Every structure is written in structure tokens, then in C-alpha cells.
């Protein structure tokens, strides 16, 4: 089923529901949309920070700790 057919089918189903259930469906749809927006923003921030040279100075830093400094090693 394509997107338009799914939307039309969902609208028909929503028309059969009582108002309070339609409100719940709307709330859930808004929640899903906000998760999608958050994901897009997060991916954008990751892309910007990975392509940025702002933290390149950290590559020149000496390592403060080595594996020998560990008290316990986990496998």
C-alpha cells in the first residue's frame, strides 16, 4: 500500500473512533514527529561536529592514561 492509500485508510479508521481516542492518536502522531525531528537534528549536529576542525587540537594531546594504568580489565 502506498502512502496516500495508508493515509486514506487511517482517516477512515479515525472517523470511526470516539473523539477522545482520536485525540490520543493525534498525540501519538505528534510524539512520533518530534522523535523524527530530534533524530534529524542529532544527525545534523553529529555531521557538523565530525566535519569541523574545532577539536583537532585534541589529536596532538598526549594520552594521560595507558592500559597499564587500569586496575581491572574487562573482556
N, C-alpha and C. Protein backbone atom coordinates (compact mmCIF):
# COMPACT_ATOMS: atom_id res chain seq x y z
N UNK A 1 0.85 -1.18 0.00
CA UNK A 1 0.00 0.00 0.00
C UNK A 1 0.90 1.24 0.00
N UNK A 2 0.57 2.21 -0.85
CA UNK A 2 1.38 3.42 -0.89
C UNK A 2 0.97 4.38 0.24
N UNK A 3 1.71 5.44 0.38
CA UNK A 3 1.49 6.36 1.49
C UNK A 3 0.10 6.98 1.45
N UNK A 4 -0.33 7.41 0.28
CA UNK A 4 -1.64 8.06 0.17
C UNK A 4 -2.76 7.10 0.56
N UNK A 5 -2.66 5.84 0.14
CA UNK A 5 -3.68 4.85 0.48
C UNK A 5 -3.69 4.59 1.99
N UNK A 6 -2.50 4.56 2.60
CA UNK A 6 -2.41 4.39 4.05
C UNK A 6 -3.07 5.55 4.79
N UNK A 7 -2.84 6.75 4.30
CA UNK A 7 -3.42 7.94 4.93
C UNK A 7 -4.95 7.89 4.83
N UNK A 8 -5.44 7.56 3.65
CA UNK A 8 -6.89 7.49 3.46
C UNK A 8 -7.52 6.41 4.34
N UNK A 9 -6.85 5.26 4.43
CA UNK A 9 -7.33 4.17 5.28
C UNK A 9 -7.33 4.60 6.75
N UNK A 10 -6.29 5.30 7.16
CA UNK A 10 -6.20 5.78 8.55
C UNK A 10 -7.29 6.80 8.84
N UNK A 11 -7.57 7.67 7.90
CA UNK A 11 -8.63 8.67 8.09
C UNK A 11 -9.98 7.99 8.24
N UNK A 12 -10.24 6.97 7.44
CA UNK A 12 -11.49 6.23 7.58
C UNK A 12 -11.60 5.58 8.96
N UNK A 13 -10.50 5.03 9.43
CA UNK A 13 -10.48 4.42 10.76
C UNK A 13 -10.69 5.46 11.85
N UNK A 14 -10.03 6.61 11.70
CA UNK A 14 -10.16 7.69 12.69
C UNK A 14 -11.60 8.20 12.76
N UNK A 15 -12.27 8.26 11.63
CA UNK A 15 -13.66 8.72 11.60
C UNK A 15 -14.59 7.82 12.40
N UNK A 16 -14.18 6.59 12.60
CA UNK A 16 -15.00 5.64 13.35
C UNK A 16 -14.73 5.68 14.85
N UNK A 17 -13.65 6.33 15.25
CA UNK A 17 -13.27 6.38 16.66
C UNK A 17 -13.97 7.51 17.39
N UNK A 18 -14.17 7.36 18.72
CA UNK A 18 -14.68 8.49 19.50
C UNK A 18 -13.62 9.59 19.60
N UNK A 19 -14.06 10.79 19.92
CA UNK A 19 -13.18 11.98 19.92
C UNK A 19 -11.97 11.81 20.82
N UNK A 20 -12.15 11.22 22.01
CA UNK A 20 -11.00 11.10 22.93
C UNK A 20 -9.94 10.15 22.37
N UNK A 21 -10.35 9.14 21.61
CA UNK A 21 -9.37 8.23 21.00
C UNK A 21 -8.65 8.90 19.84
N UNK A 22 -9.36 9.74 19.11
CA UNK A 22 -8.73 10.49 18.03
C UNK A 22 -7.68 11.43 18.62
N UNK A 23 -7.98 12.01 19.77
CA UNK A 23 -7.03 12.89 20.46
C UNK A 23 -5.77 12.11 20.85
N UNK A 24 -5.94 10.88 21.31
CA UNK A 24 -4.79 10.04 21.67
C UNK A 24 -3.94 9.74 20.44
N UNK A 25 -4.59 9.44 19.32
CA UNK A 25 -3.88 9.16 18.08
C UNK A 25 -3.10 10.40 17.64
N UNK A 26 -3.73 11.57 17.74
CA UNK A 26 -3.04 12.81 17.38
C UNK A 26 -1.82 13.03 18.26
N UNK A 27 -1.97 12.82 19.58
CA UNK A 27 -0.84 12.97 20.49
C UNK A 27 0.30 12.03 20.12
N UNK A 28 -0.05 10.78 19.79
CA UNK A 28 0.97 9.81 19.41
C UNK A 28 1.66 10.22 18.12
N UNK A 29 0.90 10.70 17.15
CA UNK A 29 1.48 11.13 15.88
C UNK A 29 2.43 12.31 16.10
N UNK A 30 2.05 13.25 16.97
CA UNK A 30 2.93 14.38 17.29
C UNK A 30 4.19 13.91 18.00
N UNK A 31 4.06 12.90 18.86
CA UNK A 31 5.22 12.33 19.54
C UNK A 31 6.18 11.72 18.51
N UNK A 32 5.64 10.94 17.58
CA UNK A 32 6.49 10.34 16.54
C UNK A 32 7.18 11.40 15.70
N UNK A 33 6.47 12.46 15.39
CA UNK A 33 7.05 13.54 14.61
C UNK A 33 8.17 14.24 15.37
N UNK A 34 7.97 14.45 16.67
CA UNK A 34 9.02 15.10 17.46
C UNK A 34 10.25 14.21 17.57
N UNK A 35 10.06 12.88 17.66
CA UNK A 35 11.21 11.97 17.67
C UNK A 35 11.96 12.05 16.36
N UNK A 36 11.24 12.15 15.26
CA UNK A 36 11.87 12.26 13.95
C UNK A 36 12.65 13.57 13.86
N UNK A 37 12.05 14.66 14.33
CA UNK A 37 12.74 15.96 14.33
C UNK A 37 14.01 15.89 15.17
N UNK A 38 13.92 15.28 16.35
CA UNK A 38 15.08 15.15 17.23
C UNK A 38 16.18 14.34 16.56
N UNK A 39 15.80 13.28 15.87
CA UNK A 39 16.77 12.44 15.18
C UNK A 39 17.47 13.21 14.07
N UNK A 40 16.71 13.98 13.31
CA UNK A 40 17.29 14.77 12.22
C UNK A 40 18.25 15.82 12.78
N UNK A 41 17.86 16.47 13.87
CA UNK A 41 18.73 17.48 14.49
C UNK A 41 20.00 16.83 15.03
N UNK A 42 19.86 15.69 15.68
CA UNK A 42 21.01 14.99 16.24
C UNK A 42 21.98 14.56 15.15
N UNK A 43 21.46 14.04 14.06
CA UNK A 43 22.32 13.64 12.95
C UNK A 43 23.04 14.85 12.35
N UNK A 44 22.34 15.97 12.27
CA UNK A 44 22.95 17.19 11.75
C UNK A 44 24.08 17.68 12.63
N UNK A 45 23.87 17.64 13.94
CA UNK A 45 24.90 18.06 14.88
C UNK A 45 26.11 17.14 14.78
N UNK A 46 25.86 15.84 14.68
CA UNK A 46 26.97 14.88 14.55
C UNK A 46 27.75 15.13 13.27
N UNK A 47 27.05 15.40 12.19
CA UNK A 47 27.72 15.66 10.93
C UNK A 47 28.57 16.93 11.01
N UNK A 48 28.00 17.98 11.59
CA UNK A 48 28.75 19.23 11.73
C UNK A 48 29.98 19.06 12.60
N UNK A 49 29.83 18.37 13.73
CA UNK A 49 30.97 18.23 14.64
C UNK A 49 32.04 17.31 14.07
N UNK A 50 31.64 16.30 13.29
CA UNK A 50 32.64 15.40 12.73
C UNK A 50 33.42 16.06 11.59
N UNK A 51 32.78 16.97 10.89
CA UNK A 51 33.48 17.64 9.78
C UNK A 51 34.19 18.92 10.23
N UNK A 52 33.99 19.30 11.47
CA UNK A 52 34.60 20.52 11.99
C UNK A 52 36.03 20.24 12.44
N UNK A 53 36.84 21.26 12.39
CA UNK A 53 38.23 21.13 12.87
C UNK A 53 38.39 21.71 14.26
N UNK A 54 37.29 21.99 14.93
CA UNK A 54 37.34 22.64 16.24
C UNK A 54 38.06 21.80 17.29
N UNK A 55 37.99 20.47 17.16
CA UNK A 55 38.60 19.61 18.17
C UNK A 55 39.88 18.94 17.67
N UNK A 56 40.42 19.41 16.59
CA UNK A 56 41.65 18.81 16.06
C UNK A 56 42.82 18.94 17.02
N UNK A 57 42.81 19.93 17.87
CA UNK A 57 43.90 20.11 18.82
C UNK A 57 44.02 18.91 19.76
N UNK A 58 42.95 18.17 19.94
CA UNK A 58 42.99 17.01 20.82
C UNK A 58 43.84 15.88 20.23
N UNK A 59 44.00 15.88 18.93
CA UNK A 59 44.84 14.85 18.30
C UNK A 59 46.30 15.00 18.67
N UNK A 60 46.71 16.21 19.03
CA UNK A 60 48.10 16.47 19.38
C UNK A 60 48.37 16.24 20.87
N UNK A 61 47.33 16.03 21.64
CA UNK A 61 47.48 15.82 23.09
C UNK A 61 48.09 14.46 23.38
N UNK A 62 48.92 14.42 24.41
CA UNK A 62 49.47 13.16 24.89
C UNK A 62 48.39 12.38 25.62
N UNK A 63 48.42 11.06 25.51
CA UNK A 63 47.48 10.25 26.27
C UNK A 63 47.84 10.33 27.74
N UNK A 64 46.85 10.61 28.58
CA UNK A 64 47.09 10.71 30.01
C UNK A 64 47.21 9.34 30.67
N UNK A 65 46.49 8.37 30.12
CA UNK A 65 46.46 7.04 30.72
C UNK A 65 46.74 6.00 29.65
N UNK A 66 47.29 4.88 30.11
CA UNK A 66 47.51 3.74 29.23
C UNK A 66 46.79 2.53 29.79
N UNK A 67 46.84 1.44 29.07
CA UNK A 67 46.22 0.20 29.54
C UNK A 67 46.86 -0.25 30.84
N UNK A 68 48.12 0.06 31.04
CA UNK A 68 48.82 -0.34 32.27
C UNK A 68 48.27 0.36 33.50
N UNK A 69 47.58 1.47 33.33
CA UNK A 69 47.01 2.20 34.45
C UNK A 69 45.71 1.58 34.97
N UNK A 70 45.16 0.65 34.22
CA UNK A 70 43.90 0.04 34.63
C UNK A 70 44.09 -0.86 35.84
N UNK A 71 43.16 -0.79 36.76
CA UNK A 71 43.19 -1.69 37.92
C UNK A 71 42.53 -3.01 37.57
N UNK A 72 41.48 -2.96 36.74
CA UNK A 72 40.79 -4.17 36.31
C UNK A 72 40.59 -4.09 34.81
N UNK A 73 40.71 -5.23 34.16
CA UNK A 73 40.48 -5.29 32.72
C UNK A 73 39.26 -6.16 32.46
N UNK A 74 38.36 -5.69 31.65
CA UNK A 74 37.14 -6.41 31.31
C UNK A 74 37.26 -6.95 29.90
N UNK A 75 36.75 -8.13 29.72
CA UNK A 75 36.78 -8.74 28.38
C UNK A 75 35.53 -8.46 27.63
